[in-house]
Protein backbone atom coordinates (compact mmCIF):
# COMPACT_ATOMS: atom_id res chain seq x y z
CA UNK A 1 -6.36 -18.64 3.69
CA UNK A 2 -5.78 -17.72 0.04
CA UNK A 3 -4.17 -14.39 1.03
CA UNK A 4 -1.22 -16.32 2.44
CA UNK A 5 0.02 -16.89 -1.10
CA UNK A 6 0.39 -13.12 -1.60
CA UNK A 7 3.81 -11.63 -0.86
CA UNK A 8 3.63 -9.77 2.49
CA UNK A 9 4.75 -6.42 1.05
CA UNK A 10 2.20 -6.58 -1.76
CA UNK A 11 -0.43 -7.64 0.78
CA UNK A 12 0.50 -4.56 2.85
CA UNK A 13 0.13 -2.44 -0.30
CA UNK A 14 -3.38 -3.85 -0.75
CA UNK A 15 -4.19 -3.03 2.89
CA UNK A 16 -2.82 0.49 2.39
CA UNK A 17 -4.97 0.89 -0.72
CA UNK A 18 -8.01 -0.28 1.23
CA UNK A 19 -7.31 2.29 3.93
CA UNK A 20 -6.82 5.09 1.40
CA UNK A 21 -10.07 4.10 -0.34
CA UNK A 22 -11.92 4.16 2.98
CA UNK A 23 -10.84 7.73 3.65
CA UNK A 24 -12.28 8.88 0.36
CA UNK A 25 -9.66 8.57 -2.38
CA UNK A 26 -10.83 7.04 -5.65
CA UNK A 27 -9.29 4.07 -7.41
CA UNK A 28 -7.98 6.42 -10.12
CA UNK A 29 -6.02 8.35 -7.45
CA UNK A 30 -4.03 5.35 -6.19
CA UNK A 31 -1.03 3.79 -7.94
CA UNK A 32 1.29 0.83 -7.42
CA UNK A 33 4.89 1.93 -7.84
CA UNK A 34 8.18 0.09 -7.47
CA UNK A 35 11.59 1.63 -6.98
CA UNK A 36 13.95 -1.02 -8.36
CA UNK A 37 17.14 0.33 -6.79
CA UNK A 38 15.66 -0.31 -3.37
CA UNK A 39 16.27 2.97 -1.56
CA UNK A 40 14.03 3.45 1.44
CA UNK A 41 13.99 5.31 4.73
CA UNK A 42 14.04 3.24 7.91
CA UNK A 43 13.83 5.06 11.23
CA UNK A 44 14.71 8.33 9.53
CA UNK A 45 17.85 6.94 7.86
CA UNK A 46 18.10 6.41 4.10
CA UNK A 47 19.30 2.88 3.36
CA UNK A 48 19.98 1.01 0.16
CA UNK A 49 18.52 -2.46 -0.17
CA UNK A 50 19.27 -4.99 -2.85
CA UNK A 51 15.54 -5.51 -3.13
CA UNK A 52 12.78 -3.58 -4.91
CA UNK A 53 10.84 -1.09 -2.79
CA UNK A 54 7.03 -1.08 -3.11
CA UNK A 55 5.31 2.30 -2.91
CA UNK A 56 1.67 3.39 -2.75
CA UNK A 57 1.35 6.67 -4.65
CA UNK A 58 -1.64 8.98 -4.30
CA UNK A 59 -2.14 11.61 -6.99
CA UNK A 60 -5.18 13.72 -6.24
CA UNK A 61 -6.23 17.27 -5.46
CA UNK A 62 -3.22 18.54 -7.43
CA UNK A 63 -0.85 16.81 -4.97
CA UNK A 64 1.29 13.67 -4.90
CA UNK A 65 1.97 11.54 -1.83
CA UNK A 66 4.29 8.52 -1.78
CA UNK A 67 3.97 5.97 1.01
CA UNK A 68 6.85 3.50 1.17
CA UNK A 69 5.30 0.15 2.03
CA UNK A 70 8.48 -1.95 2.19
CA UNK A 71 10.86 -4.13 0.25
CA UNK A 72 10.05 -7.43 -1.41
CA UNK A 73 12.02 -10.54 -2.27
CA UNK A 74 10.24 -10.74 -5.65
CA UNK A 75 12.66 -10.05 -8.54
CA UNK A 76 12.05 -6.83 -10.48
CA UNK A 77 10.92 -8.68 -13.61
CA UNK A 78 8.23 -10.62 -11.70
CA UNK A 79 6.72 -7.86 -9.55
CA UNK A 80 4.03 -6.78 -12.02
CA UNK A 81 2.86 -10.37 -12.47
CA UNK A 82 2.79 -10.93 -8.69
CA UNK A 83 0.89 -7.67 -8.19
CA UNK A 84 -1.73 -8.57 -10.80
CA UNK A 85 -2.21 -12.02 -9.24
CA UNK A 86 -2.57 -10.45 -5.78
CA UNK A 87 -5.22 -8.07 -7.11
CA UNK A 88 -7.13 -11.00 -8.63
CA UNK A 89 -7.15 -12.77 -5.26
CA UNK A 90 -8.08 -9.60 -3.37
CA UNK A 91 -10.88 -8.64 -5.77
CA UNK A 92 -12.34 -12.16 -5.87
CA UNK A 93 -13.28 -12.02 -2.17
CA UNK A 94 -14.65 -8.54 -1.39
CA UNK A 95 -16.90 -9.71 1.47
CA UNK A 96 -14.54 -12.28 2.97
CA UNK A 97 -14.48 -11.89 6.78
CA UNK A 98 -10.91 -13.25 6.84
CA UNK A 99 -9.83 -10.51 4.43
CA UNK A 100 -11.46 -7.84 6.58
CA UNK A 101 -9.90 -9.30 9.74
CA UNK A 102 -6.46 -9.43 8.09
CA UNK A 103 -6.83 -5.78 7.05
CA UNK A 104 -7.96 -4.63 10.51
CA UNK A 105 -5.13 -6.46 12.27
CA UNK A 106 -2.41 -5.34 9.84
CA UNK A 107 0.43 -2.98 10.69
CA UNK A 108 -0.87 -0.73 7.92
CA UNK A 109 -4.23 -0.36 9.70
CA UNK A 110 -2.44 0.51 12.94
CA UNK A 111 -0.62 3.32 11.10
CA UNK A 112 -3.91 4.93 10.05
CA UNK A 113 -3.78 7.97 12.32
CA UNK A 114 -0.24 8.75 11.19
CA UNK A 115 -1.30 8.41 7.57
CA UNK A 116 -4.22 10.80 8.06
CA UNK A 117 -1.92 13.35 9.66
CA UNK A 118 0.73 12.99 6.93
CA UNK A 119 -1.91 13.51 4.23
CA UNK A 120 -3.28 16.60 6.01
CA UNK A 121 0.25 17.96 6.48
CA UNK A 122 0.83 17.52 2.74
CA UNK A 123 -2.31 19.59 2.06
CA UNK A 124 -4.84 16.91 1.19
CA UNK A 125 -8.45 17.32 2.19
CA UNK A 126 -9.79 14.15 3.77
CA UNK A 127 -13.34 13.58 2.56
CA UNK A 128 -14.55 10.85 4.90
CA UNK A 129 -13.41 8.16 7.25
CA UNK A 130 -15.14 4.75 7.22
């Protein structure tokens, strides 16, 4: 499968974007962000990693929501290139059943209910769920 060549954290970001799109947020509301110092919260504890942290940022309805996806082994200076390549692969196969299966079996998909609740708690209005 061609998706196997995508870094797992960036793949999870793509799955998260797909989920956010399916609940009604537009492409212009969703951003790829990287925190190069690698701070992230694991099990409620802030930890420093020597790896970049990938974040999905939603800016819509006058609100901002940051979803920490995870850390990556990709060096800071190569993340943008890896992200663009991943998007090319993802966008080249919109109707691929393997892509849909990978999305629906991902950990990101299983976190969907928690995401919906977190967005509601932040004050977002959820427009639809597909």
